[in-house]
Amino acid sequence: ISNGTTVEGLSKKIEDISKGMKRRIHKKWK
């Protein structure tokens, strides 16, 4: 099983994406 298909891997991916989006929004606002 690849890490991306497991629930743990999926939630980590979503967490990373949301973190990246937050960082991008921060840069726009400053």
N, C-alpha and C. Protein backbone atom coordinates (compact mmCIF):
# COMPACT_ATOMS: atom_id res chain seq x y z
N ILE A 1 0.86 -1.21 0.00
CA ILE A 1 0.00 0.00 0.00
C ILE A 1 0.89 1.25 0.00
N SER A 2 0.63 2.13 -0.94
CA SER A 2 1.41 3.39 -0.99
C SER A 2 0.88 4.36 0.06
N ASN A 3 1.74 5.23 0.53
CA ASN A 3 1.38 6.12 1.63
C ASN A 3 0.21 7.03 1.26
N GLY A 4 0.07 7.37 -0.02
CA GLY A 4 -0.97 8.31 -0.44
C GLY A 4 -2.38 7.73 -0.34
N THR A 5 -2.51 6.38 -0.38
CA THR A 5 -3.84 5.78 -0.40
C THR A 5 -4.36 5.49 1.01
N THR A 6 -3.47 5.47 2.00
CA THR A 6 -3.92 5.22 3.37
C THR A 6 -4.59 6.46 3.93
N VAL A 7 -5.48 6.25 4.89
CA VAL A 7 -6.20 7.38 5.49
C VAL A 7 -5.20 8.34 6.14
N GLU A 8 -4.20 7.78 6.81
CA GLU A 8 -3.20 8.62 7.48
C GLU A 8 -2.45 9.48 6.46
N GLY A 9 -2.06 8.84 5.36
CA GLY A 9 -1.34 9.56 4.31
C GLY A 9 -2.21 10.64 3.69
N LEU A 10 -3.49 10.32 3.50
CA LEU A 10 -4.41 11.29 2.90
C LEU A 10 -4.57 12.50 3.81
N SER A 11 -4.81 12.27 5.09
CA SER A 11 -5.01 13.38 6.02
C SER A 11 -3.76 14.23 6.10
N LYS A 12 -2.59 13.59 6.03
CA LYS A 12 -1.33 14.36 6.08
C LYS A 12 -1.20 15.22 4.82
N LYS A 13 -1.60 14.65 3.68
CA LYS A 13 -1.54 15.40 2.42
C LYS A 13 -2.44 16.63 2.50
N ILE A 14 -3.67 16.41 3.00
CA ILE A 14 -4.63 17.52 3.11
C ILE A 14 -4.07 18.58 4.06
N GLU A 15 -3.45 18.12 5.15
CA GLU A 15 -2.87 19.06 6.12
C GLU A 15 -1.79 19.91 5.46
N ASP A 16 -0.92 19.25 4.68
CA ASP A 16 0.16 19.97 3.99
C ASP A 16 -0.41 20.99 3.01
N ILE A 17 -1.46 20.59 2.28
CA ILE A 17 -2.07 21.48 1.29
C ILE A 17 -2.67 22.70 1.99
N SER A 18 -3.41 22.45 3.08
CA SER A 18 -4.05 23.56 3.79
C SER A 18 -2.99 24.49 4.37
N LYS A 19 -1.88 23.92 4.85
CA LYS A 19 -0.78 24.74 5.37
C LYS A 19 -0.20 25.61 4.27
N GLY A 20 -0.01 25.02 3.10
CA GLY A 20 0.54 25.76 1.97
C GLY A 20 -0.39 26.89 1.54
N MET A 21 -1.70 26.62 1.55
CA MET A 21 -2.66 27.65 1.15
C MET A 21 -2.64 28.80 2.16
N LYS A 22 -2.59 28.46 3.45
CA LYS A 22 -2.55 29.50 4.49
C LYS A 22 -1.33 30.38 4.31
N ARG A 23 -0.19 29.76 4.01
CA ARG A 23 1.06 30.51 3.83
C ARG A 23 0.92 31.46 2.64
N ARG A 24 0.28 30.97 1.56
CA ARG A 24 0.11 31.78 0.36
C ARG A 24 -0.77 33.00 0.67
N ILE A 25 -1.84 32.77 1.42
CA ILE A 25 -2.76 33.86 1.78
C ILE A 25 -2.01 34.88 2.63
N HIS A 26 -1.18 34.39 3.54
CA HIS A 26 -0.39 35.28 4.41
C HIS A 26 0.49 36.20 3.56
N LYS A 27 1.14 35.62 2.57
CA LYS A 27 2.04 36.40 1.71
C LYS A 27 1.26 37.49 0.96
N LYS A 28 0.05 37.14 0.51
CA LYS A 28 -0.78 38.10 -0.24
C LYS A 28 -1.15 39.29 0.64
N TRP A 29 -1.48 39.02 1.90
CA TRP A 29 -1.97 40.05 2.81
C TRP A 29 -0.87 41.01 3.24
N LYS A 30 0.37 40.51 3.34
CA LYS A 30 1.45 41.36 3.88
C LYS A 30 1.88 42.43 2.90
